[in-house]
Amino acid sequence: MTAALIDGKAFAAGLRARIATRVAAFVGQAGRAPGLAVVLVGGRSGLGGLRPQ
């Protein structure tokens, strides 16, 4: 198997375009922009610095 050189900037531009199309469709259907949520479960003290106090 040989290595393939990937044009990262071109790949990122194409990915952003595909995501923008899907986000626009979601906003049209749901009437709001998509979001991201993180749920921390458990008592791991090492994660305390990742969330605002």
Protein backbone atom coordinates (compact mmCIF):
# COMPACT_ATOMS: atom_id res chain seq x y z
CA MET A 1 0.00 0.00 0.00
CA THR A 2 1.41 3.37 -0.96
CA ALA A 3 0.83 6.62 0.88
CA ALA A 4 -1.47 9.21 -0.63
CA LEU A 5 -0.90 12.92 -0.31
CA ILE A 6 -4.04 14.74 0.82
CA ASP A 7 -4.66 18.43 0.16
CA GLY A 8 -5.91 19.41 3.59
CA LYS A 9 -7.10 22.89 2.60
CA ALA A 10 -9.18 21.57 -0.30
CA PHE A 11 -10.60 18.77 1.86
CA ALA A 12 -11.53 21.24 4.63
CA ALA A 13 -13.18 23.61 2.14
CA GLY A 14 -15.29 20.78 0.73
CA LEU A 15 -16.23 19.59 4.21
CA ARG A 16 -17.26 23.09 5.27
CA ALA A 17 -19.42 23.42 2.15
CA ARG A 18 -21.17 20.09 2.82
CA ILE A 19 -21.77 20.98 6.46
CA ALA A 20 -23.09 24.45 5.54
CA THR A 21 -25.65 22.85 3.23
CA ARG A 22 -26.83 20.47 5.94
CA VAL A 23 -26.94 23.22 8.58
CA ALA A 24 -29.05 25.40 6.28
CA ALA A 25 -31.47 22.50 5.76
CA PHE A 26 -31.66 21.90 9.51
CA VAL A 27 -32.35 25.57 10.22
CA GLY A 28 -35.09 25.51 7.58
CA GLN A 29 -36.76 22.50 9.21
CA ALA A 30 -36.16 23.14 12.92
CA GLY A 31 -36.13 26.93 12.91
CA ARG A 32 -32.93 27.06 14.95
CA ALA A 33 -29.24 26.41 14.51
CA PRO A 34 -27.80 23.06 15.63
CA GLY A 35 -25.83 23.03 18.87
CA LEU A 36 -23.41 20.90 20.80
CA ALA A 37 -23.80 19.80 24.42
CA VAL A 38 -21.46 17.95 26.75
CA VAL A 39 -22.70 15.94 29.71
CA LEU A 40 -20.13 15.13 32.40
CA VAL A 41 -21.10 12.12 34.51
CA GLY A 42 -19.26 10.87 37.55
CA GLY A 43 -16.88 12.33 40.06
CA ARG A 44 -13.60 12.46 38.19
CA SER A 45 -11.75 15.39 39.71
CA GLY A 46 -9.41 15.64 36.71
CA LEU A 47 -12.27 16.94 34.56
CA GLY A 48 -13.01 19.87 36.87
CA GLY A 49 -10.82 22.24 34.88
CA LEU A 50 -12.78 21.64 31.68
CA ARG A 51 -16.04 23.17 32.84
CA PRO A 52 -16.70 26.67 34.11
CA GLN A 53 -17.10 26.99 37.85
